[in-house]
Each structure stands twice: as C-alpha cells, then as structure tokens.
Amino acid sequence: MSTTKYTADHEWVRIDDDDTVTIGITQYAQEQLGDIVFVQLPEVGSRLGGGDEAVVIESVKAAADIKMPFAGEIVAVNDALTAAPETVNIDPMGKGWFLRVRPDDRSELDGLLDEAAYAKLTQS
C-alpha cells in the first residue's frame, strides 16, 4: 500500500511499494497555476539533489519550477505530459504525475508533511 506525503511547496510524494516514489503537484498548486500549457521533464537516469530544479511548468499565469524534495535518481518520467500538459490540471494526483525517483536516503521522506499538516498549510 502506498502512502502520500506533501511538501510546503505544494508537491505530493507517493511512497510506492517498491523502492521508488512518485512526485507531482497538488490540486491546490494546479489551481493556483491555472491552465498548464508546457511541462519540461528531466532525463531518466539523472541524479538530482534535494532542492534541485526537477521539472519546469508553464501555465497561462506563470512559469514554475518543481524542486526535488530529496536527493535521488530519476527512474521514470511521465512522457505523456509533453504532448498533453493539461493532464496535470485534469488529474494532478493521478495521471498528471511528473516523475518517479529512487531516493538516496529514504529517511529524508520522514520530514515531509502528512495530509492533515498539508491541509492546515493550505488553509492559512
């Protein structure tokens, strides 16, 4: 069974049953960005550190960078977003995922927010 955690930067991190995690943006984030028109994904096999730019998103309102919440290796990207970036608006917590990562240190995931803490963050 997978567990979903959140960052203060409005990313969700789904801890998968294997040794990977899937990363995307929350419903709240996609609502703030508006209609997403472009997504630039990293290369599979690249290694990124915590805080490094992982994904570039452009919407009708703004451009935004999705930062890595922890260090790890990119093991998969959602190539479907290149042709259909609006998928992030339609299903941000499902088909609109950005990347799958193998974390260098899974203990870094312990510092992420649970659903209640994230909900409180978005209400303040």
Protein backbone atom coordinates (compact mmCIF):
# COMPACT_ATOMS: atom_id res chain seq x y z
CA MET A 1 0.00 0.00 0.00
CA SER A 2 1.36 3.42 -0.91
CA THR A 3 1.49 6.45 1.36
CA THR A 4 1.19 10.05 0.16
CA LYS A 5 3.08 12.91 1.79
CA TYR A 6 3.35 16.57 0.84
CA THR A 7 5.87 19.40 0.70
CA ALA A 8 5.38 23.02 1.72
CA ASP A 9 5.95 23.81 -1.99
CA HIS A 10 2.68 22.00 -2.88
CA GLU A 11 4.14 18.80 -4.28
CA TRP A 12 2.83 15.36 -3.42
CA VAL A 13 5.15 12.44 -2.89
CA ARG A 14 3.65 8.97 -3.15
CA ILE A 15 5.81 6.36 -1.44
CA ASP A 16 5.35 3.32 -3.66
CA ASP A 17 5.51 -0.31 -2.58
CA ASP A 18 8.88 -0.82 -4.26
CA ASP A 19 11.94 1.36 -3.67
CA THR A 20 10.61 4.34 -5.66
CA VAL A 21 8.47 7.40 -5.01
CA THR A 22 6.24 9.25 -7.47
CA ILE A 23 6.14 13.06 -7.46
CA GLY A 24 3.54 15.51 -8.76
CA ILE A 25 1.83 18.74 -7.76
CA THR A 26 -1.26 19.01 -5.62
CA GLN A 27 -4.75 20.05 -6.61
CA TYR A 28 -4.12 23.32 -4.77
CA ALA A 29 -0.94 24.01 -6.81
CA GLN A 30 -2.56 23.35 -10.18
CA GLU A 31 -5.47 25.63 -9.25
CA GLN A 32 -3.02 28.43 -8.38
CA LEU A 33 -1.12 27.97 -11.65
CA GLY A 34 -4.14 27.85 -13.92
CA ASP A 35 -4.13 26.11 -17.29
CA ILE A 36 -0.80 24.32 -17.76
CA VAL A 37 0.50 24.61 -21.32
CA PHE A 38 4.06 23.21 -21.11
CA VAL A 39 5.99 20.70 -19.00
CA GLN A 40 9.75 20.08 -19.23
CA LEU A 41 10.86 16.86 -17.54
CA PRO A 42 14.36 15.71 -16.53
CA GLU A 43 16.25 12.87 -18.19
CA VAL A 44 15.71 9.36 -16.87
CA GLY A 45 18.90 8.27 -15.11
CA SER A 46 19.84 11.76 -13.96
CA ARG A 47 20.66 12.31 -10.30
CA LEU A 48 19.31 15.38 -8.53
CA GLY A 49 19.94 16.74 -5.08
CA GLY A 50 17.32 17.95 -2.65
CA GLY A 51 16.22 21.44 -3.73
CA ASP A 52 17.44 21.00 -7.33
CA GLU A 53 15.11 22.01 -10.15
CA ALA A 54 13.46 18.85 -11.46
CA VAL A 55 10.54 19.99 -13.64
CA VAL A 56 9.65 23.25 -15.37
CA ILE A 57 5.96 24.07 -15.76
CA GLU A 58 4.47 26.91 -17.76
CA SER A 59 0.86 27.95 -17.38
CA VAL A 60 -1.23 30.78 -18.76
CA LYS A 61 -0.50 32.65 -15.49
CA ALA A 62 3.16 31.89 -14.73
CA ALA A 63 6.17 29.65 -15.04
CA ALA A 64 7.13 27.49 -12.06
CA ASP A 65 9.92 25.13 -11.10
CA ILE A 66 9.24 21.88 -9.29
CA LYS A 67 12.11 21.23 -6.93
CA MET A 68 13.30 17.85 -5.71
CA PRO A 69 12.17 17.38 -2.10
CA PHE A 70 15.10 14.97 -1.53
CA ALA A 71 18.13 13.61 -3.39
CA GLY A 72 17.72 10.69 -5.75
CA GLU A 73 17.87 9.14 -9.20
CA ILE A 74 15.13 9.73 -11.78
CA VAL A 75 13.90 6.27 -12.80
CA ALA A 76 10.86 7.30 -14.91
CA VAL A 77 9.15 10.42 -16.25
CA ASN A 78 5.59 10.90 -17.46
CA ASP A 79 6.32 11.48 -21.15
CA ALA A 80 2.58 11.81 -21.85
CA LEU A 81 2.72 15.31 -20.31
CA THR A 82 4.88 16.58 -23.17
CA ALA A 83 2.01 16.16 -25.63
CA ALA A 84 -0.79 16.74 -23.10
CA PRO A 85 0.37 19.07 -20.29
CA GLU A 86 -3.27 19.79 -19.42
CA THR A 87 -3.37 16.32 -17.84
CA VAL A 88 -1.85 17.97 -14.76
CA ASN A 89 -4.94 20.18 -14.47
CA ILE A 90 -7.36 17.32 -15.10
CA ASP A 91 -5.80 14.73 -12.76
CA PRO A 92 -2.90 16.21 -10.75
CA MET A 93 -2.86 13.43 -8.14
CA GLY A 94 -3.13 10.61 -10.70
CA LYS A 95 -2.32 10.67 -14.41
CA GLY A 96 -0.67 14.09 -14.02
CA TRP A 97 2.36 12.75 -12.10
CA PHE A 98 5.77 14.07 -13.18
CA LEU A 99 8.47 11.64 -12.20
CA ARG A 100 9.45 8.53 -10.29
CA VAL A 101 12.56 8.69 -8.16
CA ARG A 102 14.71 6.23 -6.25
CA PRO A 103 15.65 8.24 -3.11
CA ASP A 104 19.27 8.18 -1.96
CA ASP A 105 18.13 8.21 1.67
CA ARG A 106 14.54 7.19 2.41
CA SER A 107 14.75 8.79 5.85
CA GLU A 108 14.51 12.18 4.09
CA LEU A 109 10.86 11.31 3.40
CA ASP A 110 10.16 11.37 7.14
CA GLY A 111 10.34 15.18 7.15
CA LEU A 112 7.51 15.59 4.65
CA LEU A 113 4.01 16.69 5.67
CA ASP A 114 1.12 14.29 6.20
CA GLU A 115 -2.31 15.08 4.75
CA ALA A 116 -3.57 16.90 7.87
CA ALA A 117 -0.48 19.13 8.09
CA TYR A 118 -0.70 19.93 4.38
CA ALA A 119 -4.40 20.77 4.64
CA LYS A 120 -3.61 23.16 7.51
CA LEU A 121 -0.86 24.79 5.42
CA THR A 122 -3.20 25.49 2.51
CA GLN A 123 -5.85 27.00 4.79
CA SER A 124 -3.50 29.57 6.32
